[in-house]
Amino acid sequence: MQQPTTLENPDFGPKWLWDLDYEKIDWQASYKTVIARIIERGKQPQWQELVRF
Protein backbone atom coordinates (compact mmCIF):
# COMPACT_ATOMS: atom_id res chain seq x y z
CA MET A 1 0.00 0.00 0.00
CA GLN A 2 1.39 3.35 -1.04
CA GLN A 3 1.75 6.09 1.56
CA PRO A 4 -0.10 9.31 0.72
CA THR A 5 2.16 12.17 -0.19
CA THR A 6 2.46 14.93 2.37
CA LEU A 7 3.28 18.56 1.92
CA GLU A 8 5.51 20.56 4.17
CA ASN A 9 2.45 22.57 5.22
CA PRO A 10 -1.23 21.72 5.02
CA ASP A 11 -3.23 23.33 2.25
CA PHE A 12 -5.45 25.57 4.42
CA GLY A 13 -6.02 29.16 3.47
CA PRO A 14 -5.30 31.94 5.94
CA LYS A 15 -9.04 32.46 6.49
CA TRP A 16 -9.13 29.36 8.70
CA LEU A 17 -6.44 30.67 11.02
CA TRP A 18 -7.25 34.37 10.93
CA ASP A 19 -5.86 35.13 14.40
CA LEU A 20 -2.40 33.72 13.63
CA ASP A 21 0.34 35.10 11.41
CA TYR A 22 -0.21 32.57 8.63
CA GLU A 23 3.26 32.95 7.11
CA LYS A 24 4.94 32.24 10.46
CA ILE A 25 2.83 29.34 11.77
CA ASP A 26 4.87 26.51 13.22
CA TRP A 27 2.56 23.73 12.03
CA GLN A 28 4.12 21.07 14.26
CA ALA A 29 4.00 23.18 17.43
CA SER A 30 0.50 24.58 16.73
CA TYR A 31 -1.13 21.32 15.75
CA LYS A 32 -3.73 21.40 18.56
CA THR A 33 -4.93 24.85 17.56
CA VAL A 34 -5.04 23.91 13.89
CA ILE A 35 -6.92 20.66 14.51
CA ALA A 36 -9.46 22.31 16.80
CA ARG A 37 -10.12 25.17 14.38
CA ILE A 38 -10.53 22.95 11.33
CA ILE A 39 -12.81 20.49 13.11
CA GLU A 40 -14.88 23.34 14.55
CA ARG A 41 -15.24 25.49 11.44
CA GLY A 42 -14.22 23.37 8.46
CA LYS A 43 -16.19 21.05 6.24
CA GLN A 44 -15.40 17.76 4.51
CA PRO A 45 -12.62 19.10 2.21
CA GLN A 46 -10.78 20.73 5.12
CA TRP A 47 -11.16 17.60 7.28
CA GLN A 48 -9.72 15.49 4.47
CA GLU A 49 -6.75 17.86 4.17
CA LEU A 50 -6.28 17.67 7.94
CA VAL A 51 -6.15 13.86 7.80
CA ARG A 52 -3.83 13.94 4.79
CA PHE A 53 -1.38 16.26 6.53
PDB file of N, CA and C in Angstrom:
ATOM      1  N   MET A   1       0.834  -1.179   0.000  1.00  0.00           N
ATOM      2  CA  MET A   1       0.000   0.000   0.000  1.00  0.00           C
ATOM      3  C   MET A   1       0.879   1.243   0.000  1.00  0.00           C
ATOM      4  N   GLN A   2       0.580   2.155  -0.888  1.00  0.00           N
ATOM      5  CA  GLN A   2       1.393   3.354  -1.039  1.00  0.00           C
ATOM      6  C   GLN A   2       0.999   4.406  -0.007  1.00  0.00           C
ATOM      7  N   GLN A   3       2.003   5.022   0.606  1.00  0.00           N
ATOM      8  CA  GLN A   3       1.749   6.094   1.565  1.00  0.00           C
ATOM      9  C   GLN A   3       1.292   7.344   0.821  1.00  0.00           C
ATOM     10  N   PRO A   4       0.298   8.066   1.371  1.00  0.00           N
ATOM     11  CA  PRO A   4      -0.099   9.313   0.721  1.00  0.00           C
ATOM     12  C   PRO A   4       1.031  10.331   0.805  1.00  0.00           C
ATOM     13  N   THR A   5       1.115  11.152  -0.210  1.00  0.00           N
ATOM     14  CA  THR A   5       2.157  12.173  -0.189  1.00  0.00           C
ATOM     15  C   THR A   5       1.755  13.273   0.785  1.00  0.00           C
ATOM     16  N   THR A   6       2.728  13.848   1.435  1.00  0.00           N
ATOM     17  CA  THR A   6       2.455  14.933   2.369  1.00  0.00           C
ATOM     18  C   THR A   6       3.216  16.165   1.915  1.00  0.00           C
ATOM     19  N   LEU A   7       2.649  17.284   2.196  1.00  0.00           N
ATOM     20  CA  LEU A   7       3.283  18.560   1.918  1.00  0.00           C
ATOM     21  C   LEU A   7       3.976  19.037   3.179  1.00  0.00           C
ATOM     22  N   GLU A   8       4.853  19.989   3.019  1.00  0.00           N
ATOM     23  CA  GLU A   8       5.513  20.561   4.168  1.00  0.00           C
ATOM     24  C   GLU A   8       4.493  21.242   5.081  1.00  0.00           C
ATOM     25  N   ASN A   9       3.515  21.900   4.478  1.00  0.00           N
ATOM     26  CA  ASN A   9       2.449  22.567   5.217  1.00  0.00           C
ATOM     27  C   ASN A   9       1.104  22.102   4.678  1.00  0.00           C
ATOM     28  N   PRO A  10       0.085  22.083   5.526  1.00  0.00           N
ATOM     29  CA  PRO A  10      -1.229  21.719   5.018  1.00  0.00           C
ATOM     30  C   PRO A  10      -1.762  22.794   4.078  1.00  0.00           C
ATOM     31  N   ASP A  11      -2.677  22.417   3.241  1.00  0.00           N
ATOM     32  CA  ASP A  11      -3.234  23.333   2.253  1.00  0.00           C
ATOM     33  C   ASP A  11      -4.500  24.000   2.792  1.00  0.00           C
ATOM     34  N   PHE A  12      -4.348  24.776   3.865  1.00  0.00           N
ATOM     35  CA  PHE A  12      -5.445  25.565   4.423  1.00  0.00           C
ATOM     36  C   PHE A  12      -5.165  27.013   4.082  1.00  0.00           C
ATOM     37  N   GLY A  13      -6.191  27.734   3.721  1.00  0.00           N
ATOM     38  CA  GLY A  13      -6.017  29.159   3.473  1.00  0.00           C
ATOM     39  C   GLY A  13      -5.932  29.919   4.781  1.00  0.00           C
ATOM     40  N   PRO A  14      -5.432  31.125   4.733  1.00  0.00           N
ATOM     41  CA  PRO A  14      -5.298  31.938   5.942  1.00  0.00           C
ATOM     42  C   PRO A  14      -6.633  32.249   6.613  1.00  0.00           C
ATOM     43  N   LYS A  15      -7.738  32.139   5.876  1.00  0.00           N
ATOM     44  CA  LYS A  15      -9.037  32.457   6.486  1.00  0.00           C
ATOM     45  C   LYS A  15      -9.381  31.510   7.633  1.00  0.00           C
ATOM     46  N   TRP A  16      -8.826  30.313   7.639  1.00  0.00           N
ATOM     47  CA  TRP A  16      -9.128  29.356   8.704  1.00  0.00           C
ATOM     48  C   TRP A  16      -8.371  29.665   9.983  1.00  0.00           C
ATOM     49  N   LEU A  17      -7.274  30.367   9.858  1.00  0.00           N
ATOM     50  CA  LEU A  17      -6.438  30.670  11.023  1.00  0.00           C
ATOM     51  C   LEU A  17      -6.196  32.178  11.087  1.00  0.00           C
ATOM     52  N   TRP A  18      -7.283  32.919  11.051  1.00  0.00           N
ATOM     53  CA  TRP A  18      -7.247  34.370  10.930  1.00  0.00           C
ATOM     54  C   TRP A  18      -6.519  35.067  12.073  1.00  0.00           C
ATOM     55  N   ASP A  19      -6.472  34.460  13.251  1.00  0.00           N
ATOM     56  CA  ASP A  19      -5.859  35.127  14.398  1.00  0.00           C
ATOM     57  C   ASP A  19      -4.364  34.823  14.549  1.00  0.00           C
ATOM     58  N   LEU A  20      -3.824  34.042  13.622  1.00  0.00           N
ATOM     59  CA  LEU A  20      -2.398  33.724  13.631  1.00  0.00           C
ATOM     60  C   LEU A  20      -1.718  34.361  12.425  1.00  0.00           C
ATOM     61  N   ASP A  21      -0.439  34.615  12.545  1.00  0.00           N
ATOM     62  CA  ASP A  21       0.337  35.102  11.408  1.00  0.00           C
ATOM     63  C   ASP A  21       0.595  33.895  10.509  1.00  0.00           C
ATOM     64  N   TYR A  22      -0.195  33.770   9.462  1.00  0.00           N
ATOM     65  CA  TYR A  22      -0.214  32.567   8.628  1.00  0.00           C
ATOM     66  C   TYR A  22       1.160  32.208   8.070  1.00  0.00           C
ATOM     67  N   GLU A  23       1.938  33.202   7.702  1.00  0.00           N
ATOM     68  CA  GLU A  23       3.261  32.950   7.114  1.00  0.00           C
ATOM     69  C   GLU A  23       4.263  32.430   8.140  1.00  0.00           C
ATOM     70  N   LYS A  24       3.980  32.623   9.431  1.00  0.00           N
ATOM     71  CA  LYS A  24       4.935  32.240  10.465  1.00  0.00           C
ATOM     72  C   LYS A  24       4.442  31.098  11.352  1.00  0.00           C
ATOM     73  N   ILE A  25       3.366  30.432  10.960  1.00  0.00           N
ATOM     74  CA  ILE A  25       2.828  29.345  11.775  1.00  0.00           C
ATOM     75  C   ILE A  25       3.830  28.192  11.833  1.00  0.00           C
ATOM     76  N   ASP A  26       4.098  27.734  13.033  1.00  0.00           N
ATOM     77  CA  ASP A  26       4.874  26.510  13.218  1.00  0.00           C
ATOM     78  C   ASP A  26       3.837  25.384  13.284  1.00  0.00           C
ATOM     79  N   TRP A  27       3.639  24.702  12.163  1.00  0.00           N
ATOM     80  CA  TRP A  27       2.557  23.732  12.032  1.00  0.00           C
ATOM     81  C   TRP A  27       2.699  22.589  13.030  1.00  0.00           C
ATOM     82  N   GLN A  28       3.909  22.186  13.322  1.00  0.00           N
ATOM     83  CA  GLN A  28       4.115  21.075  14.257  1.00  0.00           C
ATOM     84  C   GLN A  28       3.819  21.510  15.694  1.00  0.00           C
ATOM     85  N   ALA A  29       4.225  22.703  16.067  1.00  0.00           N
ATOM     86  CA  ALA A  29       3.996  23.182  17.428  1.00  0.00           C
ATOM     87  C   ALA A  29       2.556  23.620  17.660  1.00  0.00           C
ATOM     88  N   SER A  30       1.861  24.055  16.609  1.00  0.00           N
ATOM     89  CA  SER A  30       0.501  24.585  16.732  1.00  0.00           C
ATOM     90  C   SER A  30      -0.565  23.571  16.315  1.00  0.00           C
ATOM     91  N   TYR A  31      -0.209  22.309  16.291  1.00  0.00           N
ATOM     92  CA  TYR A  31      -1.133  21.317  15.747  1.00  0.00           C
ATOM     93  C   TYR A  31      -2.462  21.255  16.497  1.00  0.00           C
ATOM     94  N   LYS A  32      -2.470  21.457  17.812  1.00  0.00           N
ATOM     95  CA  LYS A  32      -3.729  21.395  18.565  1.00  0.00           C
ATOM     96  C   LYS A  32      -4.665  22.526  18.160  1.00  0.00           C
ATOM     97  N   THR A  33      -4.125  23.705  17.995  1.00  0.00           N
ATOM     98  CA  THR A  33      -4.928  24.849  17.565  1.00  0.00           C
ATOM     99  C   THR A  33      -5.472  24.626  16.171  1.00  0.00           C
ATOM    100  N   VAL A  34      -4.635  24.148  15.271  1.00  0.00           N
ATOM    101  CA  VAL A  34      -5.042  23.912  13.888  1.00  0.00           C
ATOM    102  C   VAL A  34      -6.132  22.844  13.826  1.00  0.00           C
ATOM    103  N   ILE A  35      -5.932  21.736  14.513  1.00  0.00           N
ATOM    104  CA  ILE A  35      -6.921  20.657  14.508  1.00  0.00           C
ATOM    105  C   ILE A  35      -8.255  21.144  15.059  1.00  0.00           C
ATOM    106  N   ALA A  36      -8.219  21.827  16.184  1.00  0.00           N
ATOM    107  CA  ALA A  36      -9.464  22.311  16.796  1.00  0.00           C
ATOM    108  C   ALA A  36     -10.201  23.267  15.869  1.00  0.00           C
ATOM    109  N   ARG A  37      -9.492  24.180  15.251  1.00  0.00           N
ATOM    110  CA  ARG A  37     -10.123  25.170  14.380  1.00  0.00           C
ATOM    111  C   ARG A  37     -10.747  24.516  13.158  1.00  0.00           C
ATOM    112  N   ILE A  38     -10.025  23.594  12.542  1.00  0.00           N
ATOM    113  CA  ILE A  38     -10.526  22.951  11.329  1.00  0.00           C
ATOM    114  C   ILE A  38     -11.720  22.052  11.647  1.00  0.00           C
ATOM    115  N   ILE A  39     -11.667  21.333  12.742  1.00  0.00           N
ATOM    116  CA  ILE A  39     -12.811  20.493  13.115  1.00  0.00           C
ATOM    117  C   ILE A  39     -14.020  21.362  13.438  1.00  0.00           C
ATOM    118  N   GLU A  40     -13.790  22.457  14.141  1.00  0.00           N
ATOM    119  CA  GLU A  40     -14.882  23.338  14.554  1.00  0.00           C
ATOM    120  C   GLU A  40     -15.522  24.076  13.378  1.00  0.00           C
ATOM    121  N   ARG A  41     -14.714  24.595  12.473  1.00  0.00           N
ATOM    122  CA  ARG A  41     -15.235  25.489  11.438  1.00  0.00           C
ATOM    123  C   ARG A  41     -15.158  24.959  10.015  1.00  0.00           C
ATOM    124  N   GLY A  42     -14.395  23.894   9.809  1.00  0.00           N
ATOM    125  CA  GLY A  42     -14.217  23.370   8.460  1.00  0.00           C
ATOM    126  C   GLY A  42     -15.343  22.443   8.038  1.00  0.00           C
ATOM    127  N   LYS A  43     -15.247  22.009   6.818  1.00  0.00           N
ATOM    128  CA  LYS A  43     -16.191  21.051   6.245  1.00  0.00           C
ATOM    129  C   LYS A  43     -15.382  19.872   5.698  1.00  0.00           C
ATOM    130  N   GLN A  44     -16.018  18.998   4.996  1.00  0.00           N
ATOM    131  CA  GLN A  44     -15.405  17.759   4.508  1.00  0.00           C
ATOM    132  C   GLN A  44     -14.053  17.979   3.809  1.00  0.00           C
ATOM    133  N   PRO A  45     -13.933  18.942   2.876  1.00  0.00           N
ATOM    134  CA  PRO A  45     -12.620  19.100   2.209  1.00  0.00           C
ATOM    135  C   PRO A  45     -11.500  19.479   3.182  1.00  0.00           C
ATOM    136  N   GLN A  46     -11.794  20.329   4.152  1.00  0.00           N
ATOM    137  CA  GLN A  46     -10.779  20.726   5.123  1.00  0.00           C
ATOM    138  C   GLN A  46     -10.433  19.555   6.051  1.00  0.00           C
ATOM    139  N   TRP A  47     -11.422  18.759   6.414  1.00  0.00           N
ATOM    140  CA  TRP A  47     -11.157  17.597   7.279  1.00  0.00           C
ATOM    141  C   TRP A  47     -10.277  16.595   6.538  1.00  0.00           C
ATOM    142  N   GLN A  48     -10.537  16.420   5.248  1.00  0.00           N
ATOM    143  CA  GLN A  48      -9.716  15.489   4.472  1.00  0.00           C
ATOM    144  C   GLN A  48      -8.277  15.989   4.377  1.00  0.00           C
ATOM    145  N   GLU A  49      -8.103  17.286   4.215  1.00  0.00           N
ATOM    146  CA  GLU A  49      -6.754  17.859   4.172  1.00  0.00           C
ATOM    147  C   GLU A  49      -6.072  17.704   5.524  1.00  0.00           C
ATOM    148  N   LEU A  50      -6.818  17.845   6.592  1.00  0.00           N
ATOM    149  CA  LEU A  50      -6.276  17.667   7.935  1.00  0.00           C
ATOM    150  C   LEU A  50      -5.772  16.235   8.116  1.00  0.00           C
ATOM    151  N   VAL A  51      -6.547  15.266   7.698  1.00  0.00           N
ATOM    152  CA  VAL A  51      -6.147  13.859   7.803  1.00  0.00           C
ATOM    153  C   VAL A  51      -4.935  13.592   6.911  1.00  0.00           C
ATOM    154  N   ARG A  52      -4.935  14.141   5.709  1.00  0.00           N
ATOM    155  CA  ARG A  52      -3.831  13.941   4.786  1.00  0.00           C
ATOM    156  C   ARG A  52      -2.526  14.472   5.375  1.00  0.00           C
ATOM    157  N   PHE A  53      -2.586  15.651   5.991  1.00  0.00           N
ATOM    158  CA  PHE A  53      -1.378  16.258   6.533  1.00  0.00           C
ATOM    159  C   PHE A  53      -0.923  15.494   7.757  1.00  0.00           C
TER     160      PHE A  53
END
